[in-house]
Amino acid sequence: MQSRFFSHTMKWFMIMAFLAAAVGCEKSTEGKPEAPQNNASHQLEGTKQNAEAPQPQAQAQTQAPSQLPSEQQSKALPEPQQTGATQDIRNLSSLIPAGKELSLLSNGQKAIARGDLNKDGMDDLAIIVEDPKDSMTERDLIVHFGNAGGAYEQSIYAKEAIMCKDCGGVFGEPLEELSIKNNTLLFTFHGGSSDRWYSKYRFQYRDREWVLIGYTGGSYHTMDVYQGEEEDINLLTGDFILKKSDKNDPGGKLIETEKGKRPKRKLVKLSEFKGKIYDETVIERVEADKGNRDITPSPDRQFVFFTKEKNETNFIWNIDEAQPKEIRGIASRVGYAIWSPNSKWLMVDSGTSPIRTGQLVDPASGQIILEVSYLGAGKISFSPDNSRLLYARGSEDLPSIKDRHVDGGRISVIVLDLSTGKEKIVKQGTETVDYDFPKWKDDRQISYTKTTNSVLQGELLYTNIEETMKLDEYARQKIPSSRKG
């Protein structure tokens, strides 16, 4: 009897102790935040795009009620972090529009960037989203400003601002980078095949508007290291740097070949950006018209020349203007158009005979400044420093041993000074020698073909050799200028 009572008593003590322990455990867990979810649609990775080490997670707090849909308001958010710190955002899905998903960079990382964009000392967030059912649709860029409560307010939703995921040619995915540096939003595209290209765009929040402030674009060939070229331009100041492959470097290293300042342009808004630099919209519009030919953009992409084939009219379009200007005074069919390296001048070649006519055009006004004649066998060209034109022309007034066999007279090499419109012979043809096919080697040096003519038994014979000369060595003979007006 005593042992049975003891047995029952021990059972009751064990039950009471178990219940007390359970109650104590429940009390000890009150007030602790939920463990982070592993689903990527609800939580950003604890690393930045550039693979920085994860930062310690902050203690969660209740979010500001105005930032997210009601079903998200009960979820915990991290306390505000200092600029540059990684945040554990569990409500990323609420920032992605319905029917969209987060895009990936070409390296497989998610298209997310964090950093201070509006200079308030707090992290902001940029993401790229896409339609998962359509790989050929341009993607959207969304920027959110972070606030003191740890939540986000949408600053801009730029539709179709990012190239489609199949727009990189054989590369496929062209989206190479999304980052925030120095209060600036950057994204980079890369694509092509054997001929490859890349473009980096820099947007900034200025005067309550997102605008394109800088651009770096380049191209290169995988089989020819000497075809590389890159331009970097600050659109706020007009300062630019042009780089080209170094012909003396085995790897074709890009080196600075030109530096200067271009006229300031109207800044393009991010809300109007469609995955390409501002000028591509005008150029593509010109190219899309099948009735246009001789389409020739200027080196700085500020202008594009083209001819309407239907009525043989010629136009130049400043990309900052709504409509192109017609160039009046070009009477013959255009052969080609060439730009000076600094885009200040346009030379339009016209005519159908061996003796060509070139019209020098001011692209800003669309007016013809002067005309020159030259032999079409060797193209007219601008000097690298934009100050002169180089070409060859025959003089039928001076006799040549070949007069009975071909037309043209003695052929000489001529340089025209664009500041004065005056021509100077740099290599004078003689009765038996012609100088033709001139080319610039640099600002002070040219090459040309020296042709020695002779007649044997009534047949014209000739020999050709290539020569090079420095321009400061020529005899400064003047011949009449062909300046218009």
Protein backbone atom coordinates (compact mmCIF):
# COMPACT_ATOMS: atom_id res chain seq x y z
CA MET A 1 0.00 0.00 0.00
CA GLN A 2 2.77 2.39 0.92
CA SER A 3 4.75 1.48 -2.17
CA ARG A 4 1.64 1.99 -4.40
CA PHE A 5 1.08 5.48 -2.85
CA PHE A 6 4.74 6.33 -3.42
CA SER A 7 4.49 5.20 -7.02
CA HIS A 8 1.43 7.42 -7.72
CA THR A 9 3.05 10.36 -5.96
CA MET A 10 6.19 10.10 -8.09
CA LYS A 11 4.09 10.01 -11.26
CA TRP A 12 2.33 13.27 -10.31
CA PHE A 13 5.62 14.96 -9.49
CA MET A 14 7.05 13.96 -12.89
CA ILE A 15 3.97 15.30 -14.75
CA MET A 16 4.07 18.63 -12.88
CA ALA A 17 7.81 19.03 -13.53
CA PHE A 18 7.31 18.37 -17.26
CA LEU A 19 4.53 21.00 -17.51
CA ALA A 20 6.61 23.58 -15.63
CA ALA A 21 9.55 23.04 -17.96
CA ALA A 22 7.36 23.46 -21.03
CA VAL A 23 5.89 26.73 -19.75
CA GLY A 24 9.36 28.06 -18.92
CA CYS A 25 10.66 27.24 -22.41
CA GLU A 26 7.77 29.08 -24.04
CA LYS A 27 8.40 32.19 -21.95
CA SER A 28 12.10 32.17 -22.77
CA THR A 29 11.42 32.43 -26.54
CA GLU A 30 8.98 35.37 -26.43
CA GLY A 31 10.11 38.58 -28.25
CA LYS A 32 12.74 36.90 -30.47
CA PRO A 33 12.61 37.62 -34.24
CA GLU A 34 11.77 34.86 -36.68
CA ALA A 35 14.65 33.09 -38.35
CA PRO A 36 15.49 34.46 -41.82
CA GLN A 37 13.71 32.68 -44.65
CA ASN A 38 15.82 30.91 -47.24
CA ASN A 39 13.54 31.61 -50.21
CA ALA A 40 15.38 34.01 -52.53
CA SER A 41 12.14 35.73 -53.54
CA HIS A 42 11.72 36.99 -49.97
CA GLN A 43 15.31 37.73 -48.99
CA LEU A 44 18.31 39.37 -50.66
CA GLU A 45 21.64 37.64 -50.42
CA GLY A 46 23.95 38.83 -47.65
CA THR A 47 26.58 39.86 -50.18
CA LYS A 48 26.90 42.84 -52.50
CA GLN A 49 27.22 42.47 -56.23
CA ASN A 50 31.02 42.69 -56.03
CA ALA A 51 31.11 39.77 -53.59
CA GLU A 52 31.96 41.73 -50.45
CA ALA A 53 31.90 39.76 -47.20
CA PRO A 54 28.46 39.64 -45.51
CA GLN A 55 27.83 42.11 -42.71
CA PRO A 56 26.21 41.20 -39.35
CA GLN A 57 22.42 41.22 -39.54
CA ALA A 58 20.61 43.89 -37.55
CA GLN A 59 17.82 43.21 -35.05
CA ALA A 60 14.43 43.35 -36.84
CA GLN A 61 11.84 46.05 -36.26
CA THR A 62 8.35 46.82 -37.57
CA GLN A 63 8.39 48.49 -40.97
CA ALA A 64 6.81 51.80 -41.91
CA PRO A 65 3.17 51.03 -42.84
CA SER A 66 3.12 53.21 -45.98
CA GLN A 67 5.78 51.37 -47.96
CA LEU A 68 4.41 47.88 -48.59
CA PRO A 69 1.08 46.13 -49.30
CA SER A 70 -0.98 45.28 -46.26
CA GLU A 71 -0.12 41.58 -46.37
CA GLN A 72 3.57 42.52 -45.90
CA GLN A 73 3.14 45.02 -43.08
CA SER A 74 3.40 42.42 -40.35
CA LYS A 75 6.80 41.20 -41.56
CA ALA A 76 9.94 42.30 -39.79
CA LEU A 77 12.55 44.58 -41.38
CA PRO A 78 16.11 45.36 -40.30
CA GLU A 79 16.99 48.49 -38.43
CA PRO A 80 18.50 51.28 -40.56
CA GLN A 81 22.07 50.54 -41.62
CA GLN A 82 24.82 52.99 -42.42
CA THR A 83 25.61 53.56 -46.10
CA GLY A 84 27.37 50.59 -47.63
CA ALA A 85 26.17 48.00 -45.08
CA THR A 86 24.38 44.89 -46.32
CA GLN A 87 20.70 44.72 -45.40
CA ASP A 88 18.58 41.61 -44.82
CA ILE A 89 15.47 42.57 -46.82
CA ARG A 90 12.80 39.91 -46.48
CA ASN A 91 10.19 41.73 -48.57
CA LEU A 92 11.99 41.85 -51.95
CA SER A 93 9.05 40.12 -53.59
CA SER A 94 6.88 43.15 -52.81
CA LEU A 95 9.28 45.37 -54.81
CA ILE A 96 9.01 43.21 -57.93
CA PRO A 97 5.99 44.00 -60.14
CA ALA A 98 3.46 41.29 -60.86
CA GLY A 99 4.44 39.12 -63.81
CA LYS A 100 8.12 40.09 -63.53
CA GLU A 101 11.13 38.39 -62.00
CA LEU A 102 14.57 39.53 -60.97
CA SER A 103 17.09 39.55 -63.85
CA LEU A 104 20.54 37.99 -63.73
CA LEU A 105 23.84 39.49 -64.85
CA SER A 106 25.95 37.66 -67.42
CA ASN A 107 28.02 36.19 -64.56
CA GLY A 108 24.91 34.65 -62.99
CA GLN A 109 24.59 37.08 -60.07
CA LYS A 110 21.28 38.77 -59.37
CA ALA A 111 20.77 42.24 -60.85
CA ILE A 112 20.76 44.09 -57.52
CA ALA A 113 22.84 47.07 -56.41
CA ARG A 114 22.95 48.95 -53.11
CA GLY A 115 24.47 52.31 -52.27
CA ASP A 116 23.68 55.95 -51.63
CA LEU A 117 22.20 57.59 -54.73
CA ASN A 118 20.55 60.72 -53.34
CA LYS A 119 23.35 61.69 -50.94
CA ASP A 120 21.30 61.30 -47.77
CA GLY A 121 23.71 58.88 -46.12
CA MET A 122 21.39 55.87 -46.43
CA ASP A 123 21.48 52.89 -48.72
CA ASP A 124 19.26 52.95 -51.81
CA LEU A 125 18.35 49.97 -53.94
CA ALA A 126 18.41 49.38 -57.71
CA ILE A 127 17.03 46.24 -59.33
CA ILE A 128 16.43 45.02 -62.87
CA VAL A 129 13.36 42.95 -63.65
CA GLU A 130 12.13 41.13 -66.74
CA ASP A 131 9.25 39.20 -68.21
CA PRO A 132 10.27 35.55 -67.77
CA LYS A 133 8.12 34.54 -70.74
CA ASP A 134 9.74 36.88 -73.29
CA SER A 135 13.53 36.98 -73.62
CA MET A 136 13.41 39.54 -76.46
CA THR A 137 11.64 42.26 -74.46
CA GLU A 138 13.77 45.07 -73.07
CA ARG A 139 13.90 44.93 -69.29
CA ASP A 140 12.93 47.45 -66.64
CA LEU A 141 15.10 49.28 -64.14
CA ILE A 142 13.61 50.20 -60.76
CA VAL A 143 15.30 52.48 -58.21
CA HIS A 144 14.14 52.75 -54.59
CA PHE A 145 15.37 55.32 -52.08
CA GLY A 146 15.95 54.03 -48.58
CA ASN A 147 14.45 55.97 -45.68
CA ALA A 148 15.23 56.34 -41.99
CA GLY A 149 12.66 53.71 -41.10
CA GLY A 150 14.51 51.01 -43.03
CA ALA A 151 11.86 50.84 -45.77
CA TYR A 152 12.04 51.85 -49.44
CA GLU A 153 10.23 54.41 -51.57
CA GLN A 154 10.22 54.01 -55.34
CA SER A 155 12.10 56.83 -57.10
CA ILE A 156 11.77 55.74 -60.74
CA TYR A 157 10.44 52.87 -62.80
CA ALA A 158 12.29 53.07 -66.15
CA LYS A 159 10.46 50.87 -68.64
CA GLU A 160 12.59 49.08 -71.25
CA ALA A 161 15.78 50.76 -70.04
CA ILE A 162 17.85 47.56 -70.14
CA MET A 163 18.66 45.55 -73.27
CA CYS A 164 16.86 42.23 -73.66
CA LYS A 165 18.57 39.06 -72.45
CA ASP A 166 19.10 37.79 -76.02
CA CYS A 167 20.38 41.10 -77.43
CA GLY A 168 24.07 40.36 -76.97
CA GLY A 169 24.59 38.50 -80.25
CA VAL A 170 26.47 35.23 -79.77
CA PHE A 171 27.05 36.35 -76.18
CA GLY A 172 23.32 36.12 -75.52
CA GLU A 173 23.00 37.96 -72.19
CA PRO A 174 24.45 41.49 -72.67
CA LEU A 175 23.92 42.74 -69.10
CA GLU A 176 27.38 42.73 -67.56
CA GLU A 177 27.19 45.08 -64.58
CA LEU A 178 24.78 46.91 -62.31
CA SER A 179 26.42 48.96 -59.56
CA ILE A 180 26.25 52.14 -57.48
CA LYS A 181 29.46 54.13 -57.14
CA ASN A 182 30.04 57.73 -56.05
CA ASN A 183 26.28 58.44 -55.89
CA THR A 184 25.98 57.30 -59.52
CA LEU A 185 24.07 54.39 -61.02
CA LEU A 186 26.05 52.41 -63.59
CA PHE A 187 25.16 49.55 -65.91
CA THR A 188 27.21 47.95 -68.64
CA PHE A 189 26.33 45.96 -71.77
CA HIS A 190 28.66 43.71 -73.77
CA GLY A 191 28.03 41.71 -76.93
CA GLY A 192 28.90 40.83 -80.50
CA SER A 193 30.74 37.92 -82.10
CA SER A 194 34.23 38.26 -83.59
CA ASP A 195 33.53 42.01 -83.67
CA ARG A 196 32.65 42.90 -80.09
CA TRP A 197 31.27 46.00 -78.43
CA TYR A 198 30.63 47.32 -74.93
CA SER A 199 28.75 50.28 -73.49
CA LYS A 200 28.70 51.72 -69.97
CA TYR A 201 26.06 54.27 -68.95
CA ARG A 202 26.25 56.53 -65.90
CA PHE A 203 23.02 58.02 -64.53
CA GLN A 204 22.68 60.47 -61.65
CA TYR A 205 19.81 61.94 -59.65
CA ARG A 206 20.01 65.71 -60.25
CA ASP A 207 17.36 68.34 -59.56
CA ARG A 208 14.75 65.65 -58.86
CA GLU A 209 15.39 63.97 -62.22
CA TRP A 210 17.42 60.95 -63.35
CA VAL A 211 19.71 61.92 -66.27
CA LEU A 212 22.52 60.35 -68.29
CA ILE A 213 25.74 62.14 -67.26
CA GLY A 214 28.41 59.93 -68.83
CA TYR A 215 29.07 57.22 -71.37
CA THR A 216 31.92 54.88 -72.22
CA GLY A 217 31.69 52.85 -75.41
CA GLY A 218 34.16 50.74 -77.32
CA SER A 219 34.70 47.94 -79.78
CA TYR A 220 37.40 45.43 -80.65
CA HIS A 221 38.02 42.41 -82.85
CA THR A 222 38.94 39.05 -81.37
CA MET A 223 41.26 38.22 -84.27
CA ASP A 224 42.88 41.64 -84.67
CA VAL A 225 44.08 43.39 -81.52
CA TYR A 226 44.79 46.57 -83.46
CA GLN A 227 41.14 47.29 -84.21
CA GLY A 228 40.29 48.35 -80.66
CA GLU A 229 38.76 51.78 -79.99
CA GLU A 230 37.07 53.41 -76.99
CA GLU A 231 35.47 56.77 -76.25
CA ASP A 232 34.69 58.14 -72.82
CA ILE A 233 32.63 61.33 -72.51
CA ASN A 234 31.39 63.43 -69.61
CA LEU A 235 28.04 64.73 -70.81
CA LEU A 236 27.87 67.41 -68.12
CA THR A 237 31.07 69.12 -69.23
CA GLY A 238 31.59 67.83 -72.78
CA ASP A 239 35.07 66.54 -71.92
CA PHE A 240 36.01 63.42 -73.86
CA ILE A 241 38.92 61.01 -74.25
CA LEU A 242 39.38 58.85 -77.34
CA LYS A 243 41.57 55.75 -77.15
CA LYS A 244 42.78 53.46 -79.92
CA SER A 245 44.92 50.34 -80.09
CA ASP A 246 48.63 50.99 -79.87
CA LYS A 247 50.16 49.75 -83.11
CA ASN A 248 53.51 49.39 -81.34
CA ASP A 249 52.16 47.20 -78.54
CA PRO A 250 51.93 43.43 -79.20
CA GLY A 251 48.63 43.28 -77.33
CA GLY A 252 47.13 46.35 -78.97
CA LYS A 253 46.81 48.16 -75.64
CA LEU A 254 44.37 51.07 -75.75
CA ILE A 255 46.15 54.42 -75.49
CA GLU A 256 44.86 57.97 -75.48
CA THR A 257 44.89 59.42 -79.00
CA GLU A 258 42.70 62.46 -78.57
CA LYS A 259 41.39 64.54 -75.69
CA GLY A 260 39.17 67.59 -75.77
CA LYS A 261 35.76 69.12 -75.21
CA ARG A 262 32.59 68.78 -77.26
CA PRO A 263 29.52 71.02 -77.20
CA LYS A 264 27.16 70.25 -74.33
CA ARG A 265 24.08 68.26 -75.23
CA LYS A 266 20.62 68.05 -73.85
CA LEU A 267 20.79 65.47 -71.06
CA VAL A 268 18.77 62.33 -71.71
CA LYS A 269 16.33 61.29 -69.01
CA LEU A 270 16.41 57.75 -67.64
CA SER A 271 12.64 57.62 -68.06
CA GLU A 272 13.17 57.98 -71.85
CA PHE A 273 16.20 55.70 -72.12
CA LYS A 274 15.62 52.55 -74.20
CA GLY A 275 18.73 50.45 -73.72
CA LYS A 276 21.00 52.43 -76.07
CA ILE A 277 22.79 55.75 -75.96
CA TYR A 278 20.57 58.70 -76.87
CA ASP A 279 21.85 59.07 -80.45
CA GLU A 280 21.05 55.50 -81.45
CA THR A 281 17.33 56.31 -81.54
CA VAL A 282 17.79 58.88 -84.34
CA ILE A 283 20.34 56.78 -86.22
CA GLU A 284 18.17 53.67 -86.08
CA ARG A 285 15.22 55.70 -87.29
CA VAL A 286 17.24 56.86 -90.31
CA GLU A 287 18.49 53.34 -90.99
CA ALA A 288 15.03 51.84 -90.69
CA ASP A 289 13.83 53.89 -93.67
CA LYS A 290 14.66 51.70 -96.68
CA GLY A 291 14.58 54.78 -98.91
CA ASN A 292 17.69 56.22 -97.25
CA ARG A 293 21.29 55.53 -98.28
CA ASP A 294 24.80 56.93 -97.67
CA ILE A 295 23.96 56.90 -93.94
CA THR A 296 27.03 58.24 -92.13
CA PRO A 297 26.98 59.18 -88.41
CA SER A 298 29.54 61.65 -87.10
CA PRO A 299 32.31 60.25 -84.83
CA ASP A 300 30.73 61.85 -81.76
CA ARG A 301 27.26 60.58 -82.81
CA GLN A 302 25.87 64.11 -82.64
CA PHE A 303 24.94 64.18 -86.36
CA VAL A 304 23.99 61.72 -89.07
CA PHE A 305 24.20 62.37 -92.82
CA PHE A 306 21.95 60.54 -95.27
CA THR A 307 20.50 60.74 -98.77
CA LYS A 308 16.86 60.12 -99.68
CA GLU A 309 17.12 57.93 -102.75
CA LYS A 310 13.71 58.79 -104.19
CA ASN A 311 14.57 62.38 -105.13
CA GLU A 312 18.34 62.45 -104.45
CA THR A 313 18.06 64.99 -101.64
CA ASN A 314 20.69 65.11 -98.90
CA PHE A 315 20.14 65.71 -95.20
CA ILE A 316 22.01 66.12 -91.96
CA TRP A 317 20.29 65.41 -88.66
CA ASN A 318 21.39 66.87 -85.34
CA ILE A 319 20.13 64.33 -82.80
CA ASP A 320 19.05 67.13 -80.43
CA GLU A 321 16.67 68.52 -83.05
CA ALA A 322 13.25 67.23 -84.05
CA GLN A 323 13.86 67.16 -87.81
CA PRO A 324 16.86 66.92 -90.18
CA LYS A 325 18.17 69.83 -92.29
CA GLU A 326 18.38 69.57 -96.06
CA ILE A 327 21.80 70.33 -97.56
CA ARG A 328 21.16 72.43 -100.65
CA GLY A 329 23.72 72.77 -103.44
CA ILE A 330 24.83 69.18 -104.01
CA ALA A 331 23.82 68.77 -107.66
CA SER A 332 25.31 65.34 -108.43
CA ARG A 333 24.84 61.89 -106.98
CA VAL A 334 26.67 61.38 -103.70
CA GLY A 335 29.53 58.91 -103.74
CA TYR A 336 30.36 58.92 -100.05
CA ALA A 337 30.53 61.21 -97.01
CA ILE A 338 33.42 61.54 -94.55
CA TRP A 339 33.63 63.35 -91.22
CA SER A 340 36.53 65.18 -89.65
CA PRO A 341 37.74 63.33 -86.52
CA ASN A 342 36.25 66.00 -84.24
CA SER A 343 32.87 65.98 -86.09
CA LYS A 344 33.21 69.69 -86.89
CA TRP A 345 33.24 69.23 -90.68
CA LEU A 346 31.53 66.98 -93.21
CA MET A 347 32.92 66.40 -96.70
CA VAL A 348 30.37 65.12 -99.23
CA ASP A 349 31.86 63.54 -102.36
CA SER A 350 29.68 63.83 -105.46
CA GLY A 351 29.81 63.25 -109.18
CA THR A 352 30.22 60.24 -111.46
CA SER A 353 33.38 61.11 -113.43
CA PRO A 354 37.00 60.39 -112.38
CA ILE A 355 37.30 64.07 -111.44
CA ARG A 356 35.20 64.46 -108.31
CA THR A 357 33.65 67.41 -106.50
CA GLY A 358 33.72 67.66 -102.73
CA GLN A 359 31.46 69.96 -100.73
CA LEU A 360 32.63 70.92 -97.25
CA VAL A 361 29.54 71.22 -95.02
CA ASP A 362 29.09 72.88 -91.63
CA PRO A 363 26.94 70.29 -89.83
CA ALA A 364 25.49 72.80 -87.37
CA SER A 365 23.90 74.89 -90.13
CA GLY A 366 23.78 72.41 -93.01
CA GLN A 367 25.46 75.02 -95.24
CA ILE A 368 28.15 74.31 -97.84
CA ILE A 369 31.31 76.26 -96.93
CA LEU A 370 33.53 75.52 -99.93
CA GLU A 371 33.99 73.16 -102.88
CA VAL A 372 37.10 71.41 -104.14
CA SER A 373 37.82 69.17 -107.12
CA TYR A 374 40.14 66.16 -107.00
CA LEU A 375 40.77 62.78 -108.54
CA GLY A 376 38.34 60.18 -107.28
CA ALA A 377 40.92 57.37 -107.50
CA GLY A 378 42.40 58.56 -104.20
CA LYS A 379 39.86 59.67 -101.61
CA ILE A 380 39.97 63.09 -100.05
CA SER A 381 40.74 62.94 -96.30
CA PHE A 382 40.93 65.08 -93.14
CA SER A 383 44.14 65.44 -91.17
CA PRO A 384 44.12 63.79 -87.73
CA ASP A 385 44.18 67.27 -86.10
CA ASN A 386 41.08 68.35 -88.12
CA SER A 387 42.86 71.35 -89.66
CA ARG A 388 43.50 70.30 -93.29
CA LEU A 389 42.27 68.30 -96.28
CA LEU A 390 44.51 66.07 -98.39
CA TYR A 391 43.87 65.03 -102.01
CA ALA A 392 45.36 64.82 -105.51
CA ARG A 393 44.38 66.71 -108.64
CA GLY A 394 45.54 66.86 -112.25
CA SER A 395 46.37 70.02 -114.17
CA GLU A 396 45.62 69.80 -117.89
CA ASP A 397 47.25 73.21 -118.43
CA LEU A 398 50.68 71.67 -117.79
CA PRO A 399 51.88 69.20 -120.44
CA SER A 400 52.62 65.59 -119.58
CA ILE A 401 54.28 62.78 -121.50
CA LYS A 402 51.09 60.79 -121.16
CA ASP A 403 48.79 63.43 -122.72
CA ARG A 404 48.30 61.45 -125.96
CA HIS A 405 47.24 58.35 -124.03
CA VAL A 406 45.15 59.49 -121.03
CA ASP A 407 43.44 62.64 -119.83
CA GLY A 408 44.21 64.52 -116.63
CA GLY A 409 47.54 66.24 -117.14
CA ARG A 410 50.17 66.36 -114.47
CA ILE A 411 48.94 65.05 -111.09
CA SER A 412 50.00 66.73 -107.86
CA VAL A 413 49.32 66.23 -104.15
CA ILE A 414 47.52 69.16 -102.48
CA VAL A 415 46.81 70.20 -98.89
CA LEU A 416 43.95 72.62 -98.14
CA ASP A 417 44.03 74.69 -94.95
CA LEU A 418 40.50 74.69 -93.50
CA SER A 419 41.09 77.92 -91.57
CA THR A 420 41.81 79.89 -94.77
CA GLY A 421 40.31 77.76 -97.54
CA LYS A 422 43.60 77.98 -99.46
CA GLU A 423 45.36 75.13 -101.25
CA LYS A 424 49.10 74.37 -101.36
CA ILE A 425 50.90 71.88 -103.57
CA VAL A 426 53.01 69.56 -101.44
CA LYS A 427 54.25 67.35 -104.30
CA GLN A 428 54.24 68.93 -107.78
CA GLY A 429 53.73 66.65 -110.77
CA THR A 430 56.16 66.94 -113.67
CA GLU A 431 56.13 66.04 -117.35
CA THR A 432 57.14 62.47 -116.54
CA VAL A 433 56.15 62.00 -112.86
CA ASP A 434 52.73 62.00 -111.17
CA TYR A 435 51.96 62.00 -107.43
CA ASP A 436 48.67 60.39 -106.41
CA PHE A 437 46.80 58.38 -103.73
CA PRO A 438 47.92 60.53 -100.77
CA LYS A 439 47.24 59.43 -97.18
CA TRP A 440 47.86 60.91 -93.74
CA LYS A 441 50.34 59.02 -91.57
CA ASP A 442 50.05 61.58 -88.77
CA ASP A 443 49.58 65.35 -88.47
CA ARG A 444 52.93 66.18 -90.05
CA GLN A 445 53.56 63.26 -92.35
CA ILE A 446 51.89 61.84 -95.46
CA SER A 447 52.46 59.02 -97.91
CA TYR A 448 51.65 58.91 -101.62
CA THR A 449 52.29 56.96 -104.82
CA LYS A 450 55.00 58.23 -107.16
CA THR A 451 54.29 57.20 -110.77
CA THR A 452 57.05 57.57 -113.37
CA ASN A 453 55.71 57.62 -116.95
CA SER A 454 57.47 56.83 -120.21
CA VAL A 455 56.52 56.06 -123.81
CA LEU A 456 58.09 53.22 -125.76
CA GLN A 457 57.08 52.47 -129.35
CA GLY A 458 53.88 54.43 -128.88
CA GLU A 459 52.91 52.57 -125.70
CA LEU A 460 52.57 54.29 -122.32
CA LEU A 461 54.66 52.62 -119.61
CA TYR A 462 54.82 53.46 -115.93
CA THR A 463 56.32 52.34 -112.61
CA ASN A 464 54.93 52.98 -109.11
CA ILE A 465 56.68 53.33 -105.77
CA GLU A 466 55.41 54.43 -102.33
CA GLU A 467 57.04 57.45 -100.70
CA THR A 468 56.67 59.29 -97.40
CA MET A 469 57.35 62.94 -96.65
CA LYS A 470 57.15 65.39 -93.75
CA LEU A 471 54.95 68.36 -94.50
CA ASP A 472 57.36 70.90 -93.05
CA GLU A 473 59.79 69.99 -95.85
CA TYR A 474 57.60 70.89 -98.83
CA ALA A 475 58.04 73.94 -101.03
CA ARG A 476 55.07 76.18 -100.24
CA GLN A 477 53.79 76.80 -103.74
CA LYS A 478 50.30 78.25 -104.01
CA ILE A 479 47.71 77.44 -106.63
CA PRO A 480 44.31 79.09 -107.09
CA SER A 481 41.78 78.16 -104.43
CA SER A 482 38.47 76.52 -105.30
CA ARG A 483 36.68 78.21 -102.41
CA LYS A 484 32.96 78.65 -102.98
CA GLY A 485 31.72 82.26 -103.13
